[in-house]
Amino acid sequence: MKSEPDSSASEDLGADFAQALAQGWLPIREVARQTGVNAVTLRAWERRYGLIVPHRTPKGHRLFNAEHVQRILSILTWIDRGVAVSKIKPLLDTPQPPSEPLENDWQRQRHALVLAVTQLAERQVDDLVNQAMALYPPWTVCEQLLLPLLAELQLRWQGQFGAQLERVFLYSWLRSKFGSRIYHNNRQLRGAPLLLVNHSDLPLEPQLWLSAWLASSADCPVEVFDGPIPAGELALAVERLKARGVLLYSSNALNLSQLPKLISGVDCPIIIAGPAASIHHARLSTGISTDNLTWAEDPLSAYRELSRRELI
């Protein structure tokens, strides 16, 4: 497949491109940074649905202005309301929201995924998630599809025969799926990685892998250790990896008396993530004194905290 002209950061962009930037036009990478919608998705919205029509330089590079950015933010608003991206274009010029309730496309997608999981239909699960990832930003896919899907399945799995079978099937697929994406992203990225550690008693923690995927999608190299690290060895891992930060994920309560020993010697920011952050919120707020330590309850709040601390 022929590559798009503006997909290469290393290409000599030419005088026309430089002149356009001087006039206030924005390259696609800057629009992706401002809106959170990656370049691949922006190109898909243009190519498939004509949602955005950027200016093109003679060499084919896409350029955007403030009106384009505002249009992208409007698209995200409709997406958050559950409208399928394929149905958004006529709504963008609607001065008032439609009076009739809109069909929630995210509910439809979640229903299809739940059905695929119950049938252990790996290819169907993969296809459904691939379709969402091709058309929506990672944050939106996580917020509107994957996290609600996990919550819905947790309710389904309570006391149901076959629940553990479905759980292991989905979690194994999820780790393989996002582990592969993270691996390929890491091959393209440079710099100190973010270290994510599964500090739960259970393997295959799905929200750990979603957190890793969100960070990786923000062009941050990540290393995932899908198992606890003994006290004293976390600092060793940080030293050897030269990690920019640590995210400790746990879905169960931590032994807070051992936490100072675990994080001793770690000289980079540390985020306690997952249900453990909710369980220990008060103690983490006041009981453990360190400027490096913060907390986040889910992958989305972890992403916000990583962004706030300029780790991604």
Protein backbone atom coordinates (compact mmCIF):
# COMPACT_ATOMS: atom_id res chain seq x y z
CA MET A 1 0.00 0.00 0.00
CA LYS A 2 1.41 3.37 -0.98
CA SER A 3 2.25 5.55 2.02
CA GLU A 4 0.59 8.92 2.52
CA PRO A 5 2.84 11.98 1.98
CA ASP A 6 2.30 13.38 5.46
CA SER A 7 2.94 10.09 7.24
CA SER A 8 6.71 10.51 7.22
CA ALA A 9 8.20 12.89 9.75
CA SER A 10 11.64 12.62 8.18
CA GLU A 11 10.66 13.64 4.63
CA ASP A 12 11.85 17.00 3.29
CA LEU A 13 8.57 18.87 3.35
CA GLY A 14 9.60 21.68 1.04
CA ALA A 15 9.27 25.45 0.96
CA ASP A 16 5.52 25.43 0.32
CA PHE A 17 4.91 23.44 3.49
CA ALA A 18 7.15 25.71 5.57
CA GLN A 19 5.40 28.79 4.19
CA ALA A 20 1.98 27.36 5.04
CA LEU A 21 3.07 26.65 8.62
CA ALA A 22 4.32 30.22 8.91
CA GLN A 23 0.83 31.37 7.87
CA GLY A 24 -0.76 29.46 10.76
CA TRP A 25 -1.70 26.18 9.11
CA LEU A 26 -1.22 23.07 11.26
CA PRO A 27 0.36 19.76 10.18
CA ILE A 28 -1.51 16.56 10.90
CA ARG A 29 0.76 15.58 13.79
CA GLU A 30 -0.04 18.86 15.60
CA VAL A 31 -3.78 18.42 15.04
CA ALA A 32 -3.48 14.88 16.43
CA ARG A 33 -1.74 16.29 19.51
CA GLN A 34 -4.37 18.99 20.07
CA THR A 35 -7.43 16.79 19.58
CA GLY A 36 -6.23 13.36 20.72
CA VAL A 37 -7.28 11.85 17.37
CA ASN A 38 -4.31 10.14 15.77
CA ALA A 39 -3.26 10.73 12.18
CA VAL A 40 -4.45 7.31 11.00
CA THR A 41 -7.97 8.02 12.27
CA LEU A 42 -8.03 11.53 10.82
CA ARG A 43 -7.10 10.16 7.41
CA ALA A 44 -9.78 7.47 7.72
CA TRP A 45 -12.43 10.09 8.55
CA GLU A 46 -11.41 12.06 5.46
CA ARG A 47 -11.08 9.13 3.08
CA ARG A 48 -14.14 7.11 4.09
CA TYR A 49 -16.68 9.72 5.11
CA GLY A 50 -15.44 13.15 4.00
CA LEU A 51 -15.81 14.46 7.54
CA ILE A 52 -12.74 16.66 7.18
CA VAL A 53 -11.32 18.18 4.02
CA PRO A 54 -7.85 19.51 4.83
CA HIS A 55 -5.88 21.83 2.60
CA ARG A 56 -3.27 20.03 0.48
CA THR A 57 0.13 21.37 -0.48
CA PRO A 58 1.47 20.71 -4.01
CA LYS A 59 3.34 17.74 -2.56
CA GLY A 60 0.15 16.33 -1.03
CA HIS A 61 0.72 17.17 2.63
CA ARG A 62 -2.40 17.77 4.70
CA LEU A 63 -2.73 21.10 6.48
CA PHE A 64 -5.44 22.12 8.94
CA ASN A 65 -6.70 25.39 10.41
CA ALA A 66 -8.63 26.33 13.55
CA GLU A 67 -11.97 25.55 11.86
CA HIS A 68 -10.78 22.03 11.08
CA VAL A 69 -9.78 21.55 14.72
CA GLN A 70 -13.19 22.75 15.90
CA ARG A 71 -14.90 20.39 13.43
CA ILE A 72 -12.88 17.47 14.81
CA LEU A 73 -13.93 18.39 18.35
CA SER A 74 -17.56 18.48 17.18
CA ILE A 75 -17.14 15.02 15.67
CA LEU A 76 -15.85 13.76 19.02
CA THR A 77 -18.89 15.24 20.76
CA TRP A 78 -21.26 13.29 18.49
CA ILE A 79 -19.17 10.13 18.97
CA ASP A 80 -19.44 10.51 22.74
CA ARG A 81 -23.21 10.71 22.34
CA GLY A 82 -23.15 7.29 20.72
CA VAL A 83 -23.51 8.26 17.07
CA ALA A 84 -21.66 6.05 14.59
CA VAL A 85 -18.93 7.95 12.78
CA SER A 86 -20.52 6.97 9.46
CA LYS A 87 -23.67 8.94 10.38
CA ILE A 88 -22.08 12.12 11.74
CA LYS A 89 -21.55 14.18 8.58
CA PRO A 90 -25.15 15.46 8.17
CA LEU A 91 -25.24 16.29 11.89
CA LEU A 92 -22.22 18.58 11.80
CA ASP A 93 -24.18 21.36 10.11
CA THR A 94 -27.28 20.90 12.27
CA PRO A 95 -27.74 24.03 14.41
CA GLN A 96 -29.78 22.18 17.04
CA PRO A 97 -29.45 18.61 18.32
CA PRO A 98 -32.15 16.31 16.91
CA SER A 99 -35.24 16.07 19.10
CA GLU A 100 -35.57 12.31 18.72
CA PRO A 101 -33.13 10.12 20.67
CA LEU A 102 -30.27 8.83 18.56
CA GLU A 103 -29.42 5.17 18.24
CA ASN A 104 -26.42 4.49 20.44
CA ASP A 105 -23.85 2.80 18.23
CA TRP A 106 -21.60 1.98 21.18
CA GLN A 107 -24.36 -0.12 22.74
CA ARG A 108 -24.73 -2.01 19.48
CA GLN A 109 -20.99 -2.67 19.31
CA ARG A 110 -20.84 -3.80 22.95
CA HIS A 111 -23.77 -6.16 22.40
CA ALA A 112 -22.00 -7.69 19.40
CA LEU A 113 -18.81 -8.11 21.40
CA VAL A 114 -20.57 -9.73 24.34
CA LEU A 115 -22.15 -12.21 21.94
CA ALA A 116 -18.78 -12.95 20.32
CA VAL A 117 -17.18 -13.53 23.73
CA THR A 118 -19.93 -15.93 24.82
CA GLN A 119 -19.33 -17.89 21.59
CA LEU A 120 -15.53 -17.79 22.08
CA ALA A 121 -15.38 -16.34 18.57
CA GLU A 122 -11.87 -14.89 18.56
CA ARG A 123 -11.89 -13.73 14.94
CA GLN A 124 -15.19 -11.93 15.44
CA VAL A 125 -13.94 -10.23 18.62
CA ASP A 126 -10.79 -9.18 16.80
CA ASP A 127 -12.70 -7.85 13.77
CA LEU A 128 -15.13 -5.84 15.89
CA VAL A 129 -12.35 -4.21 17.92
CA ASN A 130 -10.26 -3.59 14.80
CA GLN A 131 -13.20 -1.76 13.22
CA ALA A 132 -13.55 0.49 16.26
CA MET A 133 -9.81 1.14 16.47
CA ALA A 134 -9.67 2.10 12.79
CA LEU A 135 -12.34 4.80 13.17
CA TYR A 136 -12.02 6.15 16.71
CA PRO A 137 -9.19 7.49 18.91
CA PRO A 138 -7.76 5.02 21.46
CA TRP A 139 -9.16 7.06 24.37
CA THR A 140 -12.68 6.89 22.90
CA VAL A 141 -12.45 3.15 22.16
CA CYS A 142 -11.36 2.57 25.75
CA GLU A 143 -13.95 4.88 27.31
CA GLN A 144 -16.97 4.01 25.17
CA LEU A 145 -16.36 0.38 24.23
CA LEU A 146 -13.75 -1.62 26.12
CA LEU A 147 -14.20 -0.44 29.71
CA PRO A 148 -18.03 -0.63 29.55
CA LEU A 149 -17.67 -4.05 27.92
CA LEU A 150 -15.51 -5.31 30.79
CA ALA A 151 -17.98 -3.91 33.34
CA GLU A 152 -20.92 -5.55 31.57
CA LEU A 153 -19.15 -8.89 31.40
CA GLN A 154 -18.20 -8.73 35.09
CA LEU A 155 -21.91 -8.59 35.91
CA ARG A 156 -22.64 -11.42 33.49
CA TRP A 157 -19.94 -13.60 34.99
CA GLN A 158 -21.24 -13.47 38.56
CA GLY A 159 -22.12 -17.03 39.50
CA GLN A 160 -22.62 -18.15 35.90
CA PHE A 161 -21.48 -21.52 34.58
CA GLY A 162 -18.77 -20.96 31.99
CA ALA A 163 -17.82 -17.56 33.38
CA GLN A 164 -14.18 -18.44 33.99
CA LEU A 165 -13.90 -19.93 30.51
CA GLU A 166 -15.16 -16.70 28.93
CA ARG A 167 -12.97 -14.57 31.21
CA VAL A 168 -9.75 -16.41 30.39
CA PHE A 169 -10.63 -16.41 26.69
CA LEU A 170 -11.20 -12.65 26.58
CA TYR A 171 -8.29 -11.68 28.82
CA SER A 172 -5.88 -13.89 26.88
CA TRP A 173 -7.02 -12.33 23.61
CA LEU A 174 -6.75 -8.85 25.04
CA ARG A 175 -3.19 -9.35 26.30
CA SER A 176 -2.14 -10.85 22.98
CA LYS A 177 -3.86 -8.08 21.00
CA PHE A 178 -2.49 -5.11 22.85
CA GLY A 179 0.82 -6.77 23.63
CA SER A 180 1.39 -7.11 19.88
CA ARG A 181 0.48 -3.48 19.23
CA ILE A 182 2.75 -2.31 22.03
CA TYR A 183 5.61 -4.43 20.70
CA HIS A 184 5.33 -2.95 17.21
CA ASN A 185 5.01 0.58 18.60
CA ASN A 186 8.09 0.07 20.76
CA ARG A 187 10.07 -0.90 17.66
CA GLN A 188 9.34 2.55 16.22
CA LEU A 189 9.90 4.58 19.39
CA ARG A 190 12.96 5.81 21.22
CA GLY A 191 13.57 7.09 24.70
CA ALA A 192 13.06 5.93 28.26
CA PRO A 193 10.10 3.55 28.68
CA LEU A 194 7.19 3.67 31.08
CA LEU A 195 7.25 0.57 33.29
CA LEU A 196 3.88 -1.03 34.06
CA VAL A 197 3.80 -3.78 36.68
CA ASN A 198 0.97 -6.17 37.48
CA HIS A 199 1.02 -6.17 41.27
CA SER A 200 -2.16 -8.25 41.54
CA ASP A 201 -2.35 -11.87 42.56
CA LEU A 202 -4.05 -12.59 39.23
CA PRO A 203 -2.42 -12.61 35.78
CA LEU A 204 -3.97 -11.17 32.62
CA GLU A 205 -5.24 -7.97 34.25
CA PRO A 206 -7.12 -6.35 31.31
CA GLN A 207 -6.98 -2.78 32.63
CA LEU A 208 -3.21 -3.00 32.98
CA TRP A 209 -2.97 -3.78 29.27
CA LEU A 210 -5.45 -1.04 28.37
CA SER A 211 -3.32 1.42 30.36
CA ALA A 212 -0.24 0.23 28.50
CA TRP A 213 -2.00 0.54 25.14
CA LEU A 214 -3.17 4.10 25.84
CA ALA A 215 0.35 5.15 26.83
CA SER A 216 1.83 3.41 23.80
CA SER A 217 -0.70 5.10 21.52
CA ALA A 218 0.63 8.44 22.81
CA ASP A 219 4.05 7.49 21.39
CA CYS A 220 5.44 6.47 24.76
CA PRO A 221 7.63 3.32 24.87
CA VAL A 222 6.27 0.91 27.47
CA GLU A 223 7.51 -2.20 29.24
CA VAL A 224 4.89 -4.45 30.84
CA PHE A 225 5.80 -6.90 33.60
CA ASP A 226 2.73 -9.11 33.97
CA GLY A 227 3.56 -10.22 37.49
CA PRO A 228 4.67 -8.76 40.85
CA ILE A 229 8.24 -7.67 41.45
CA PRO A 230 9.75 -8.39 44.88
CA ALA A 231 10.48 -5.49 47.21
CA GLY A 232 13.92 -4.12 46.45
CA GLU A 233 13.91 -5.28 42.84
CA LEU A 234 11.57 -2.60 41.51
CA ALA A 235 14.33 -0.02 41.92
CA LEU A 236 16.68 -2.39 40.07
CA ALA A 237 14.21 -2.68 37.17
CA VAL A 238 13.85 1.10 37.01
CA GLU A 239 17.64 1.52 37.02
CA ARG A 240 18.26 -1.03 34.27
CA LEU A 241 15.41 0.17 32.07
CA LYS A 242 16.09 3.84 32.85
CA ALA A 243 12.30 4.08 33.21
CA ARG A 244 10.64 7.47 33.02
CA GLY A 245 7.93 6.35 35.45
CA VAL A 246 6.24 3.34 37.06
CA LEU A 247 2.58 2.32 37.05
CA LEU A 248 1.80 -0.32 39.68
CA TYR A 249 -1.55 -1.94 38.90
CA SER A 250 -3.48 -3.99 41.44
CA SER A 251 -7.10 -5.11 41.51
CA ASN A 252 -6.83 -6.11 45.18
CA ALA A 253 -5.75 -4.45 48.40
CA LEU A 254 -2.06 -3.78 48.89
CA ASN A 255 0.02 -4.45 51.97
CA LEU A 256 0.64 -0.80 52.72
CA SER A 257 3.18 -1.60 55.39
CA GLN A 258 5.34 -3.13 52.65
CA LEU A 259 4.75 -0.36 50.12
CA PRO A 260 7.59 1.94 51.32
CA LYS A 261 10.01 -0.96 50.99
CA LEU A 262 8.68 -1.82 47.51
CA ILE A 263 9.16 1.69 46.18
CA SER A 264 12.36 2.42 48.09
CA GLY A 265 15.11 3.65 45.82
CA VAL A 266 12.76 4.36 42.90
CA ASP A 267 13.66 7.88 41.80
CA CYS A 268 10.97 8.37 39.14
CA PRO A 269 7.22 9.09 39.44
CA ILE A 270 5.07 6.18 40.65
CA ILE A 271 1.34 5.75 40.02
CA ILE A 272 -0.75 3.24 41.98
CA ALA A 273 -3.51 2.19 39.59
CA GLY A 274 -6.60 0.02 39.60
CA PRO A 275 -9.11 -0.82 42.37
CA ALA A 276 -6.24 -0.67 44.87
CA ALA A 277 -6.18 3.09 44.35
CA SER A 278 -9.85 3.30 45.40
CA ILE A 279 -9.35 0.97 48.36
CA HIS A 280 -6.39 2.92 49.73
CA HIS A 281 -7.29 6.43 48.56
CA ALA A 282 -7.26 8.02 52.02
CA ARG A 283 -4.03 6.33 53.10
CA LEU A 284 -2.30 7.11 49.81
CA SER A 285 -3.40 10.74 50.19
CA THR A 286 -2.09 11.30 53.69
CA GLY A 287 -0.39 8.23 55.09
CA ILE A 288 2.58 7.76 52.76
CA SER A 289 4.79 10.77 52.32
CA THR A 290 6.46 10.95 48.92
CA ASP A 291 6.25 13.51 46.16
CA ASN A 292 6.70 10.74 43.59
CA LEU A 293 3.56 8.78 44.47
CA THR A 294 0.09 9.41 43.02
CA TRP A 295 -2.86 7.19 42.15
CA ALA A 296 -5.41 6.51 39.42
CA GLU A 297 -8.46 4.28 39.56
CA ASP A 298 -8.75 3.20 35.91
CA PRO A 299 -6.88 3.39 32.58
CA LEU A 300 -8.45 6.74 31.67
CA SER A 301 -7.51 8.45 34.93
CA ALA A 302 -4.07 6.80 34.69
CA TYR A 303 -3.65 8.33 31.23
CA ARG A 304 -4.66 11.75 32.56
CA GLU A 305 -2.19 11.43 35.42
CA LEU A 306 0.60 10.36 33.08
CA SER A 307 -0.18 13.37 30.90
CA ARG A 308 -0.32 15.73 33.88
CA ARG A 309 3.10 14.55 35.01
CA GLU A 310 4.41 14.86 31.45
CA LEU A 311 5.33 11.16 31.30
CA ILE A 312 3.59 10.77 27.94
